[in-house]
Amino acid sequence: MVATLPEITALLGEPRFNWSDPAPWIELEQELGIEFPADFREIVDAYGSIEVNRQLYLQHPAGHLLHSLGENILGDLELWRDEDMAEFLPSPAGVNPGELMPVASATTGEAVFLRIPDNPSSPWRVVVQEFDSPAWTLYEMTFSEWLLAYLKGRDVTLCSRNFAPDGPFFEFLP
């Protein structure tokens, strides 16, 4: 079951970005040759470039923002394709079926990837890599399900309990 934006909003608070122009997504998707999962786009369009619980960074592709999802994906793909880094992932970083596309990061050193489905009818999954170790975890859940679990304080490699003891919150990135 895919988590819904209202479930996320109930925990994180009302979004204040509420982007409606698809142009930045279309441009980024054409550049990468993929189409982002709808739940990921919906969340990022609602909240924009934010830091959740002073731990998790989410970014939007709008070009006028200081923190650009597209620039970060391209830079992170270059980093994770380096032979010294590639060994820390369960499959290659990239934009092809079965590969991992970096979409978020954390102040605690984790990188969050979307695993591109092997075929169009399969769901996208989340992989979290712990940057300070060779450990990674595949979560058999969509991005929205993973984010909802994180916001509820469940251990999804990132854990919000220590960062948000009074409940989840977000701040816009500067």
N, C-alpha and C. Protein backbone atom coordinates (compact mmCIF):
# COMPACT_ATOMS: atom_id res chain seq x y z
N MET A 1 0.83 -1.18 0.00
CA MET A 1 0.00 0.00 0.00
C MET A 1 0.88 1.25 0.00
N VAL A 2 0.67 2.13 -0.93
CA VAL A 2 1.44 3.36 -1.03
C VAL A 2 0.92 4.36 0.00
N ALA A 3 1.84 4.92 0.77
CA ALA A 3 1.46 5.96 1.72
C ALA A 3 0.99 7.18 0.95
N THR A 4 0.09 7.91 1.55
CA THR A 4 -0.45 9.08 0.86
C THR A 4 0.14 10.36 1.45
N LEU A 5 0.10 11.41 0.66
CA LEU A 5 0.58 12.70 1.13
C LEU A 5 -0.17 13.15 2.39
N PRO A 6 -1.50 12.95 2.50
CA PRO A 6 -2.16 13.34 3.75
C PRO A 6 -1.61 12.62 4.99
N GLU A 7 -1.20 11.36 4.84
CA GLU A 7 -0.61 10.64 5.98
C GLU A 7 0.72 11.28 6.38
N ILE A 8 1.51 11.66 5.39
CA ILE A 8 2.79 12.30 5.66
C ILE A 8 2.57 13.68 6.26
N THR A 9 1.64 14.43 5.69
CA THR A 9 1.32 15.77 6.18
C THR A 9 0.83 15.73 7.63
N ALA A 10 0.07 14.71 7.99
CA ALA A 10 -0.44 14.58 9.36
C ALA A 10 0.70 14.50 10.37
N LEU A 11 1.83 13.93 9.97
CA LEU A 11 2.98 13.82 10.87
C LEU A 11 3.97 14.97 10.72
N LEU A 12 4.22 15.38 9.49
CA LEU A 12 5.27 16.36 9.21
C LEU A 12 4.78 17.80 9.29
N GLY A 13 3.50 18.00 9.08
CA GLY A 13 2.95 19.35 9.07
C GLY A 13 2.59 19.77 7.66
N GLU A 14 1.83 20.84 7.57
CA GLU A 14 1.35 21.32 6.27
C GLU A 14 2.51 21.75 5.38
N PRO A 15 2.51 21.28 4.13
CA PRO A 15 3.54 21.75 3.19
C PRO A 15 3.30 23.21 2.85
N ARG A 16 4.40 23.92 2.58
CA ARG A 16 4.27 25.34 2.25
C ARG A 16 4.89 25.68 0.90
N PHE A 17 5.36 24.69 0.16
CA PHE A 17 5.99 24.95 -1.14
C PHE A 17 4.95 24.83 -2.25
N ASN A 18 4.28 23.70 -2.28
CA ASN A 18 3.14 23.44 -3.17
C ASN A 18 3.40 23.84 -4.63
N TRP A 19 4.42 23.25 -5.21
CA TRP A 19 4.83 23.51 -6.58
C TRP A 19 3.87 22.82 -7.55
N SER A 20 3.50 23.51 -8.61
CA SER A 20 2.56 22.90 -9.56
C SER A 20 3.06 22.85 -11.00
N ASP A 21 4.16 23.51 -11.31
CA ASP A 21 4.69 23.54 -12.67
C ASP A 21 5.51 22.27 -12.92
N PRO A 22 5.13 21.41 -13.87
CA PRO A 22 5.86 20.18 -14.11
C PRO A 22 7.17 20.38 -14.88
N ALA A 23 7.44 21.57 -15.37
CA ALA A 23 8.60 21.81 -16.24
C ALA A 23 9.94 21.34 -15.65
N PRO A 24 10.27 21.65 -14.38
CA PRO A 24 11.56 21.19 -13.86
C PRO A 24 11.68 19.66 -13.83
N TRP A 25 10.59 18.99 -13.52
CA TRP A 25 10.59 17.52 -13.52
C TRP A 25 10.79 16.99 -14.93
N ILE A 26 10.06 17.55 -15.89
CA ILE A 26 10.17 17.10 -17.28
C ILE A 26 11.60 17.27 -17.77
N GLU A 27 12.19 18.43 -17.49
CA GLU A 27 13.57 18.69 -17.91
C GLU A 27 14.54 17.69 -17.29
N LEU A 28 14.41 17.46 -15.98
CA LEU A 28 15.31 16.53 -15.28
C LEU A 28 15.09 15.11 -15.77
N GLU A 29 13.85 14.72 -15.95
CA GLU A 29 13.56 13.36 -16.43
C GLU A 29 14.10 13.15 -17.84
N GLN A 30 14.01 14.16 -18.69
CA GLN A 30 14.58 14.03 -20.03
C GLN A 30 16.09 13.93 -19.97
N GLU A 31 16.72 14.71 -19.09
CA GLU A 31 18.17 14.68 -18.96
C GLU A 31 18.65 13.31 -18.46
N LEU A 32 17.92 12.73 -17.51
CA LEU A 32 18.33 11.45 -16.93
C LEU A 32 17.81 10.25 -17.72
N GLY A 33 16.75 10.44 -18.49
CA GLY A 33 16.17 9.34 -19.25
C GLY A 33 15.29 8.43 -18.41
N ILE A 34 14.73 8.95 -17.34
CA ILE A 34 13.83 8.17 -16.47
C ILE A 34 12.63 9.02 -16.11
N GLU A 35 11.63 8.39 -15.52
CA GLU A 35 10.48 9.11 -14.99
C GLU A 35 10.40 8.80 -13.50
N PHE A 36 10.49 9.83 -12.67
CA PHE A 36 10.45 9.64 -11.22
C PHE A 36 9.11 9.05 -10.80
N PRO A 37 9.11 8.27 -9.71
CA PRO A 37 7.83 7.74 -9.22
C PRO A 37 6.93 8.88 -8.74
N ALA A 38 5.65 8.71 -8.97
CA ALA A 38 4.66 9.77 -8.68
C ALA A 38 4.67 10.16 -7.20
N ASP A 39 4.83 9.20 -6.30
CA ASP A 39 4.78 9.55 -4.87
C ASP A 39 5.97 10.43 -4.48
N PHE A 40 7.14 10.15 -5.03
CA PHE A 40 8.31 10.98 -4.75
C PHE A 40 8.09 12.40 -5.25
N ARG A 41 7.62 12.52 -6.49
CA ARG A 41 7.35 13.84 -7.06
C ARG A 41 6.31 14.61 -6.24
N GLU A 42 5.25 13.92 -5.83
CA GLU A 42 4.19 14.57 -5.07
C GLU A 42 4.72 15.15 -3.75
N ILE A 43 5.52 14.38 -3.04
CA ILE A 43 6.08 14.82 -1.76
C ILE A 43 7.02 16.01 -1.97
N VAL A 44 7.92 15.89 -2.93
CA VAL A 44 8.88 16.96 -3.18
C VAL A 44 8.19 18.21 -3.70
N ASP A 45 7.17 18.05 -4.54
CA ASP A 45 6.41 19.22 -5.00
C ASP A 45 5.68 19.90 -3.84
N ALA A 46 5.20 19.14 -2.91
CA ALA A 46 4.47 19.71 -1.77
C ALA A 46 5.41 20.46 -0.82
N TYR A 47 6.56 19.86 -0.52
CA TYR A 47 7.44 20.41 0.52
C TYR A 47 8.63 21.20 -0.01
N GLY A 48 9.08 20.94 -1.23
CA GLY A 48 10.23 21.65 -1.78
C GLY A 48 11.53 21.12 -1.20
N SER A 49 12.56 21.96 -1.22
CA SER A 49 13.88 21.59 -0.69
C SER A 49 13.87 21.84 0.81
N ILE A 50 13.91 20.75 1.57
CA ILE A 50 13.77 20.85 3.02
C ILE A 50 14.76 19.95 3.74
N GLU A 51 14.91 20.23 5.03
CA GLU A 51 15.63 19.36 5.95
C GLU A 51 14.59 18.86 6.95
N VAL A 52 14.44 17.55 7.04
CA VAL A 52 13.46 16.95 7.93
C VAL A 52 14.18 16.53 9.21
N ASN A 53 13.67 17.00 10.33
CA ASN A 53 14.21 16.63 11.65
C ASN A 53 15.69 16.96 11.81
N ARG A 54 16.16 17.96 11.10
CA ARG A 54 17.59 18.33 11.10
C ARG A 54 18.46 17.12 10.76
N GLN A 55 17.92 16.22 9.93
CA GLN A 55 18.64 15.00 9.58
C GLN A 55 18.56 14.67 8.10
N LEU A 56 17.38 14.65 7.53
CA LEU A 56 17.16 14.16 6.16
C LEU A 56 16.96 15.33 5.21
N TYR A 57 17.74 15.35 4.12
CA TYR A 57 17.62 16.40 3.11
C TYR A 57 16.82 15.90 1.92
N LEU A 58 15.77 16.63 1.57
CA LEU A 58 15.01 16.39 0.34
C LEU A 58 15.14 17.65 -0.50
N GLN A 59 15.28 17.47 -1.82
CA GLN A 59 15.47 18.62 -2.70
C GLN A 59 14.52 18.57 -3.88
N HIS A 60 14.20 19.76 -4.39
CA HIS A 60 13.30 19.93 -5.52
C HIS A 60 14.12 20.28 -6.76
N PRO A 61 13.64 19.92 -7.97
CA PRO A 61 14.40 20.23 -9.18
C PRO A 61 14.25 21.64 -9.73
N ALA A 62 13.43 22.49 -9.12
CA ALA A 62 13.24 23.85 -9.65
C ALA A 62 14.58 24.57 -9.73
N GLY A 63 14.86 25.15 -10.89
CA GLY A 63 16.16 25.76 -11.16
C GLY A 63 16.48 26.99 -10.34
N HIS A 64 15.49 27.69 -9.83
CA HIS A 64 15.75 28.91 -9.07
C HIS A 64 16.19 28.64 -7.63
N LEU A 65 16.13 27.39 -7.20
CA LEU A 65 16.48 27.06 -5.83
C LEU A 65 17.98 26.85 -5.68
N LEU A 66 18.50 27.21 -4.52
CA LEU A 66 19.92 27.03 -4.24
C LEU A 66 20.28 25.55 -4.20
N HIS A 67 19.38 24.72 -3.69
CA HIS A 67 19.62 23.28 -3.57
C HIS A 67 18.83 22.57 -4.66
N SER A 68 19.51 22.09 -5.69
CA SER A 68 18.85 21.51 -6.85
C SER A 68 18.94 19.99 -6.84
N LEU A 69 17.80 19.35 -6.91
CA LEU A 69 17.77 17.89 -6.97
C LEU A 69 18.58 17.38 -8.16
N GLY A 70 18.41 18.00 -9.32
CA GLY A 70 19.12 17.55 -10.51
C GLY A 70 20.62 17.63 -10.38
N GLU A 71 21.13 18.76 -9.90
CA GLU A 71 22.58 18.92 -9.73
C GLU A 71 23.11 17.90 -8.72
N ASN A 72 22.36 17.68 -7.65
CA ASN A 72 22.81 16.72 -6.65
C ASN A 72 22.80 15.30 -7.17
N ILE A 73 21.77 14.93 -7.92
CA ILE A 73 21.74 13.58 -8.49
C ILE A 73 22.94 13.38 -9.41
N LEU A 74 23.20 14.33 -10.29
CA LEU A 74 24.31 14.18 -11.23
C LEU A 74 25.65 14.09 -10.49
N GLY A 75 25.85 14.94 -9.49
CA GLY A 75 27.08 14.88 -8.71
C GLY A 75 27.22 13.59 -7.93
N ASP A 76 26.11 13.15 -7.32
CA ASP A 76 26.14 11.91 -6.55
C ASP A 76 26.32 10.69 -7.44
N LEU A 77 25.73 10.70 -8.64
CA LEU A 77 25.95 9.59 -9.57
C LEU A 77 27.43 9.47 -9.90
N GLU A 78 28.08 10.59 -10.13
CA GLU A 78 29.52 10.58 -10.42
C GLU A 78 30.30 10.00 -9.24
N LEU A 79 29.95 10.43 -8.03
CA LEU A 79 30.61 9.92 -6.83
C LEU A 79 30.43 8.42 -6.69
N TRP A 80 29.18 7.95 -6.80
CA TRP A 80 28.88 6.54 -6.56
C TRP A 80 29.31 5.63 -7.70
N ARG A 81 29.60 6.18 -8.86
CA ARG A 81 30.11 5.37 -9.98
C ARG A 81 31.62 5.16 -9.87
N ASP A 82 32.28 5.95 -9.04
CA ASP A 82 33.71 5.79 -8.83
C ASP A 82 33.97 4.38 -8.29
N GLU A 83 35.00 3.76 -8.81
CA GLU A 83 35.23 2.35 -8.46
C GLU A 83 35.44 2.15 -6.97
N ASP A 84 36.00 3.13 -6.26
CA ASP A 84 36.19 3.01 -4.81
C ASP A 84 34.87 3.08 -4.04
N MET A 85 33.86 3.73 -4.61
CA MET A 85 32.57 3.86 -3.94
C MET A 85 31.57 2.79 -4.39
N ALA A 86 31.66 2.37 -5.63
CA ALA A 86 30.70 1.42 -6.20
C ALA A 86 30.62 0.13 -5.40
N GLU A 87 31.72 -0.27 -4.79
CA GLU A 87 31.73 -1.52 -4.03
C GLU A 87 30.83 -1.48 -2.80
N PHE A 88 30.40 -0.29 -2.38
CA PHE A 88 29.56 -0.16 -1.20
C PHE A 88 28.07 -0.24 -1.50
N LEU A 89 27.71 -0.46 -2.77
CA LEU A 89 26.30 -0.53 -3.16
C LEU A 89 25.95 -1.93 -3.65
N PRO A 90 24.69 -2.33 -3.50
CA PRO A 90 24.28 -3.67 -3.95
C PRO A 90 24.15 -3.78 -5.46
N SER A 91 24.03 -2.66 -6.15
CA SER A 91 23.99 -2.63 -7.61
C SER A 91 24.52 -1.27 -8.05
N PRO A 92 24.84 -1.12 -9.32
CA PRO A 92 25.45 0.13 -9.77
C PRO A 92 24.55 1.35 -9.57
N ALA A 93 25.18 2.49 -9.38
CA ALA A 93 24.46 3.77 -9.38
C ALA A 93 24.22 4.15 -10.82
N GLY A 94 23.01 4.56 -11.12
CA GLY A 94 22.70 4.94 -12.50
C GLY A 94 21.22 5.17 -12.69
N VAL A 95 20.82 5.20 -13.95
CA VAL A 95 19.44 5.50 -14.30
C VAL A 95 18.81 4.41 -15.16
N ASN A 96 19.42 3.24 -15.15
CA ASN A 96 18.89 2.10 -15.91
C ASN A 96 18.16 1.14 -14.98
N PRO A 97 17.31 0.27 -15.54
CA PRO A 97 16.60 -0.71 -14.71
C PRO A 97 17.56 -1.47 -13.79
N GLY A 98 17.16 -1.58 -12.51
CA GLY A 98 17.96 -2.29 -11.52
C GLY A 98 19.04 -1.45 -10.87
N GLU A 99 19.27 -0.26 -11.40
CA GLU A 99 20.31 0.60 -10.84
C GLU A 99 19.73 1.51 -9.75
N LEU A 100 20.63 2.15 -9.04
CA LEU A 100 20.26 2.99 -7.90
C LEU A 100 20.49 4.46 -8.22
N MET A 101 19.46 5.25 -8.02
CA MET A 101 19.56 6.69 -8.27
C MET A 101 19.52 7.42 -6.92
N PRO A 102 20.59 8.16 -6.59
CA PRO A 102 20.62 8.88 -5.31
C PRO A 102 19.66 10.06 -5.32
N VAL A 103 18.76 10.12 -4.32
CA VAL A 103 17.75 11.18 -4.29
C VAL A 103 17.71 11.97 -2.99
N ALA A 104 18.38 11.50 -1.95
CA ALA A 104 18.35 12.21 -0.68
C ALA A 104 19.60 11.84 0.12
N SER A 105 19.89 12.65 1.12
CA SER A 105 21.03 12.37 1.98
C SER A 105 20.68 12.79 3.40
N ALA A 106 21.58 12.44 4.32
CA ALA A 106 21.31 12.73 5.72
C ALA A 106 22.54 13.31 6.39
N THR A 107 22.31 14.13 7.39
CA THR A 107 23.41 14.71 8.16
C THR A 107 24.18 13.63 8.90
N THR A 108 23.56 12.49 9.10
CA THR A 108 24.18 11.38 9.82
C THR A 108 24.97 10.46 8.89
N GLY A 109 25.11 10.83 7.62
CA GLY A 109 26.00 10.12 6.71
C GLY A 109 25.35 9.10 5.80
N GLU A 110 24.05 8.97 5.82
CA GLU A 110 23.39 8.00 4.94
C GLU A 110 23.05 8.64 3.60
N ALA A 111 23.01 7.79 2.58
CA ALA A 111 22.54 8.19 1.25
C ALA A 111 21.30 7.37 0.94
N VAL A 112 20.28 8.04 0.43
CA VAL A 112 19.01 7.39 0.11
C VAL A 112 18.89 7.30 -1.41
N PHE A 113 18.63 6.09 -1.89
CA PHE A 113 18.53 5.83 -3.32
C PHE A 113 17.14 5.30 -3.65
N LEU A 114 16.71 5.56 -4.87
CA LEU A 114 15.55 4.88 -5.42
C LEU A 114 16.09 3.81 -6.36
N ARG A 115 15.64 2.57 -6.16
CA ARG A 115 16.03 1.49 -7.06
C ARG A 115 15.06 1.49 -8.23
N ILE A 116 15.62 1.68 -9.42
CA ILE A 116 14.80 1.74 -10.63
C ILE A 116 14.28 0.34 -10.93
N PRO A 117 12.98 0.20 -11.14
CA PRO A 117 12.40 -1.13 -11.36
C PRO A 117 12.99 -1.81 -12.60
N ASP A 118 13.02 -3.14 -12.54
CA ASP A 118 13.51 -3.92 -13.68
C ASP A 118 12.56 -3.83 -14.86
N ASN A 119 11.27 -3.64 -14.58
CA ASN A 119 10.31 -3.44 -15.67
C ASN A 119 9.28 -2.40 -15.23
N PRO A 120 8.63 -1.76 -16.19
CA PRO A 120 7.74 -0.64 -15.86
C PRO A 120 6.59 -0.97 -14.91
N SER A 121 6.18 -2.22 -14.84
CA SER A 121 5.06 -2.57 -13.96
C SER A 121 5.50 -2.85 -12.52
N SER A 122 6.80 -2.93 -12.29
CA SER A 122 7.30 -3.19 -10.94
C SER A 122 7.42 -1.88 -10.16
N PRO A 123 7.30 -1.96 -8.84
CA PRO A 123 7.39 -0.75 -8.02
C PRO A 123 8.85 -0.30 -7.81
N TRP A 124 9.02 0.99 -7.59
CA TRP A 124 10.30 1.54 -7.18
C TRP A 124 10.52 1.14 -5.73
N ARG A 125 11.76 0.94 -5.33
CA ARG A 125 12.11 0.59 -3.96
C ARG A 125 13.15 1.56 -3.43
N VAL A 126 13.39 1.52 -2.14
CA VAL A 126 14.34 2.41 -1.49
C VAL A 126 15.53 1.60 -0.99
N VAL A 127 16.73 2.12 -1.23
CA VAL A 127 17.96 1.55 -0.68
C VAL A 127 18.63 2.67 0.12
N VAL A 128 19.05 2.34 1.34
CA VAL A 128 19.78 3.31 2.16
C VAL A 128 21.17 2.75 2.40
N GLN A 129 22.17 3.56 2.09
CA GLN A 129 23.57 3.18 2.29
C GLN A 129 24.13 4.02 3.43
N GLU A 130 24.82 3.34 4.35
CA GLU A 130 25.46 4.04 5.46
C GLU A 130 26.85 4.44 5.02
N PHE A 131 27.06 5.74 4.83
CA PHE A 131 28.28 6.25 4.21
C PHE A 131 29.54 5.90 4.99
N ASP A 132 29.42 5.75 6.31
CA ASP A 132 30.60 5.46 7.12
C ASP A 132 30.88 3.97 7.26
N SER A 133 30.18 3.16 6.50
CA SER A 133 30.41 1.71 6.54
C SER A 133 29.98 1.11 5.20
N PRO A 134 30.30 -0.14 4.98
CA PRO A 134 29.86 -0.77 3.73
C PRO A 134 28.42 -1.28 3.79
N ALA A 135 27.69 -0.95 4.85
CA ALA A 135 26.34 -1.48 5.03
C ALA A 135 25.32 -0.73 4.19
N TRP A 136 24.37 -1.48 3.66
CA TRP A 136 23.23 -0.91 2.93
C TRP A 136 22.02 -1.78 3.21
N THR A 137 20.84 -1.20 3.04
CA THR A 137 19.60 -1.93 3.27
C THR A 137 18.62 -1.62 2.16
N LEU A 138 18.03 -2.67 1.59
CA LEU A 138 16.96 -2.52 0.61
C LEU A 138 15.64 -2.58 1.36
N TYR A 139 14.79 -1.58 1.14
CA TYR A 139 13.47 -1.55 1.74
C TYR A 139 12.44 -1.84 0.66
N GLU A 140 11.67 -2.89 0.86
CA GLU A 140 10.63 -3.28 -0.10
C GLU A 140 9.42 -2.39 0.11
N MET A 141 9.63 -1.10 -0.10
CA MET A 141 8.56 -0.12 0.06
C MET A 141 8.83 1.04 -0.89
N THR A 142 7.77 1.75 -1.21
CA THR A 142 7.90 2.94 -2.04
C THR A 142 8.56 4.04 -1.23
N PHE A 143 8.93 5.13 -1.89
CA PHE A 143 9.53 6.25 -1.17
C PHE A 143 8.57 6.80 -0.12
N SER A 144 7.31 6.96 -0.49
CA SER A 144 6.35 7.52 0.48
C SER A 144 6.16 6.59 1.68
N GLU A 145 6.16 5.29 1.45
CA GLU A 145 6.05 4.33 2.57
C GLU A 145 7.29 4.42 3.46
N TRP A 146 8.46 4.53 2.83
CA TRP A 146 9.71 4.63 3.58
C TRP A 146 9.72 5.93 4.40
N LEU A 147 9.35 7.05 3.77
CA LEU A 147 9.33 8.33 4.48
C LEU A 147 8.33 8.31 5.63
N LEU A 148 7.18 7.72 5.42
CA LEU A 148 6.18 7.62 6.48
C LEU A 148 6.72 6.79 7.65
N ALA A 149 7.39 5.68 7.35
CA ALA A 149 7.99 4.87 8.41
C ALA A 149 9.04 5.68 9.18
N TYR A 150 9.87 6.43 8.45
CA TYR A 150 10.86 7.30 9.09
C TYR A 150 10.18 8.32 10.01
N LEU A 151 9.14 8.97 9.51
CA LEU A 151 8.44 9.99 10.29
C LEU A 151 7.77 9.41 11.53
N LYS A 152 7.38 8.13 11.46
CA LYS A 152 6.77 7.46 12.62
C LYS A 152 7.80 6.98 13.62
N GLY A 153 9.09 7.19 13.32
CA GLY A 153 10.15 6.80 14.25
C GLY A 153 10.62 5.38 14.09
N ARG A 154 10.19 4.71 13.03
CA ARG A 154 10.66 3.35 12.79
C ARG A 154 12.10 3.40 12.28
N ASP A 155 12.84 2.35 12.54
CA ASP A 155 14.23 2.30 12.09
C ASP A 155 14.27 1.87 10.64
N VAL A 156 14.48 2.82 9.75
CA VAL A 156 14.64 2.54 8.32
C VAL A 156 16.04 3.03 7.92
N THR A 157 17.02 2.54 8.67
CA THR A 157 18.42 2.94 8.65
C THR A 157 18.55 4.34 9.22
N LEU A 158 17.82 5.28 8.70
CA LEU A 158 17.68 6.59 9.35
C LEU A 158 16.60 6.43 10.41
N CYS A 159 16.81 7.03 11.54
CA CYS A 159 15.79 6.93 12.58
C CYS A 159 15.57 8.30 13.19
N SER A 160 14.34 8.75 13.21
CA SER A 160 14.02 10.11 13.65
C SER A 160 13.86 10.26 15.15
N ARG A 161 13.79 9.16 15.88
CA ARG A 161 13.48 9.26 17.31
C ARG A 161 14.45 10.19 18.05
N ASN A 162 15.74 10.08 17.77
CA ASN A 162 16.72 10.91 18.48
C ASN A 162 16.75 12.34 17.97
N PHE A 163 16.29 12.56 16.75
CA PHE A 163 16.35 13.88 16.14
C PHE A 163 15.05 14.66 16.31
N ALA A 164 13.97 13.97 16.58
CA ALA A 164 12.67 14.64 16.70
C ALA A 164 11.87 14.02 17.85
N PRO A 165 12.38 14.15 19.09
CA PRO A 165 11.67 13.52 20.21
C PRO A 165 10.26 14.07 20.42
N ASP A 166 10.01 15.29 19.96
CA ASP A 166 8.68 15.90 20.11
C ASP A 166 7.82 15.74 18.87
N GLY A 167 8.29 14.96 17.91
CA GLY A 167 7.55 14.75 16.68
C GLY A 167 8.26 15.34 15.48
N PRO A 168 7.97 14.83 14.29
CA PRO A 168 8.64 15.28 13.08
C PRO A 168 8.39 16.76 12.79
N PHE A 169 9.38 17.37 12.13
CA PHE A 169 9.27 18.77 11.71
C PHE A 169 10.17 18.96 10.49
N PHE A 170 9.98 20.06 9.80
CA PHE A 170 10.85 20.37 8.67
C PHE A 170 11.16 21.85 8.63
N GLU A 171 12.27 22.15 7.96
CA GLU A 171 12.68 23.53 7.72
C GLU A 171 13.11 23.62 6.26
N PHE A 172 12.86 24.76 5.63
CA PHE A 172 13.35 24.95 4.27
C PHE A 172 14.86 25.04 4.29
N LEU A 173 15.50 24.49 3.27
CA LEU A 173 16.94 24.64 3.15
C LEU A 173 17.24 26.09 2.79
N PRO A 174 18.35 26.63 3.31
CA PRO A 174 18.67 28.04 3.03
C PRO A 174 18.93 28.29 1.55
